[in-house]
Amino acid sequence: MADITKGRFGLHRGGGKHEPVPAAAYVQIYVKSSVLSRAPDLAISAHLMTEAEIDEFVDDALAELAEIRIDAKKALAAADSN
């Protein structure tokens, strides 16, 4: 399985011709489970097997993060106004 890490995120690649049992190739997206983690270690996606599945997962994650950004800013502003 190949591991690729960039900042807080990473991916693990599995399957394909290098696996002991022939299996379909896939990637799985990971994040660091804590600030103490040296590498991403918490899977946040299913096994993604096509470019379309990767695009859909990342697009959905970006949309959810955008909503979290807005909510976090509102919560911070509300806390500051009290």
Protein backbone atom coordinates (compact mmCIF):
# COMPACT_ATOMS: atom_id res chain seq x y z
CA MET A 1 0.00 0.00 0.00
CA ALA A 2 1.44 3.39 -0.95
CA ASP A 3 1.03 6.31 1.44
CA ILE A 4 1.13 9.95 0.36
CA THR A 5 0.97 12.74 2.97
CA LYS A 6 0.46 16.47 2.46
CA GLY A 7 0.04 18.57 5.58
CA ARG A 8 -2.97 17.42 7.60
CA PHE A 9 -4.17 15.08 4.89
CA GLY A 10 -3.01 11.97 3.14
CA LEU A 11 -4.08 9.05 1.07
CA HIS A 12 -3.36 5.37 1.08
CA ARG A 13 -3.34 3.48 -2.19
CA GLY A 14 -4.11 -0.21 -2.18
CA GLY A 15 -5.07 -3.00 -4.49
CA GLY A 16 -3.78 -3.46 -7.96
CA LYS A 17 -1.09 -5.76 -9.27
CA HIS A 18 1.24 -5.40 -6.26
CA GLU A 19 -1.23 -6.84 -3.73
CA PRO A 20 -0.77 -10.52 -2.77
CA VAL A 21 -4.28 -11.30 -4.00
CA PRO A 22 -5.26 -9.47 -7.18
CA ALA A 23 -7.69 -6.76 -6.20
CA ALA A 24 -9.08 -3.62 -7.74
CA ALA A 25 -6.96 -0.52 -7.14
CA TYR A 26 -8.39 2.08 -4.76
CA VAL A 27 -7.42 5.10 -2.69
CA GLN A 28 -8.66 6.07 0.74
CA ILE A 29 -8.43 9.64 2.10
CA TYR A 30 -7.06 10.13 5.63
CA VAL A 31 -6.64 13.01 8.10
CA LYS A 32 -4.50 13.33 11.20
CA SER A 33 -6.50 12.19 14.23
CA SER A 34 -4.72 14.69 16.49
CA VAL A 35 -2.11 17.40 16.42
CA LEU A 36 0.29 14.84 17.88
CA SER A 37 -0.06 12.52 14.87
CA ARG A 38 2.98 12.47 12.62
CA ALA A 39 1.01 11.19 9.63
CA PRO A 40 -2.65 10.97 8.64
CA ASP A 41 -4.12 7.99 10.48
CA LEU A 42 -7.90 8.38 10.46
CA ALA A 43 -9.76 7.23 7.34
CA ILE A 44 -12.48 9.66 6.29
CA SER A 45 -13.48 8.06 3.00
CA ALA A 46 -14.55 4.71 1.72
CA HIS A 47 -12.35 2.97 -0.83
CA LEU A 48 -12.54 5.30 -3.82
CA MET A 49 -12.11 3.39 -7.07
CA THR A 50 -12.72 5.94 -9.83
CA GLU A 51 -11.77 9.52 -10.61
CA ALA A 52 -15.47 10.44 -10.35
CA GLU A 53 -15.68 8.97 -6.82
CA ILE A 54 -12.60 10.94 -5.77
CA ASP A 55 -14.03 14.15 -7.26
CA GLU A 56 -17.41 13.63 -5.59
CA PHE A 57 -15.86 12.90 -2.19
CA VAL A 58 -13.52 15.91 -2.29
CA ASP A 59 -16.24 18.26 -3.63
CA ASP A 60 -18.61 17.18 -0.84
CA ALA A 61 -15.86 17.58 1.77
CA LEU A 62 -15.05 21.09 0.51
CA ALA A 63 -18.71 22.10 0.67
CA GLU A 64 -19.02 20.78 4.23
CA LEU A 65 -15.80 22.54 5.28
CA ALA A 66 -17.11 25.81 3.81
CA GLU A 67 -20.24 25.46 5.97
CA ILE A 68 -18.11 24.69 9.03
CA ARG A 69 -16.00 27.80 8.34
CA ILE A 70 -19.11 30.00 8.31
CA ASP A 71 -20.54 28.39 11.46
CA ALA A 72 -17.21 28.65 13.30
CA LYS A 73 -16.91 32.36 12.47
CA LYS A 74 -20.49 32.95 13.65
CA ALA A 75 -19.81 31.07 16.90
CA LEU A 76 -16.65 33.09 17.50
CA ALA A 77 -18.45 36.37 16.81
CA ALA A 78 -21.29 35.37 19.15
CA ALA A 79 -18.79 34.50 21.91
CA ASP A 80 -16.99 37.83 21.44
CA SER A 81 -20.25 39.79 21.67
CA ASN A 82 -21.16 38.31 25.07
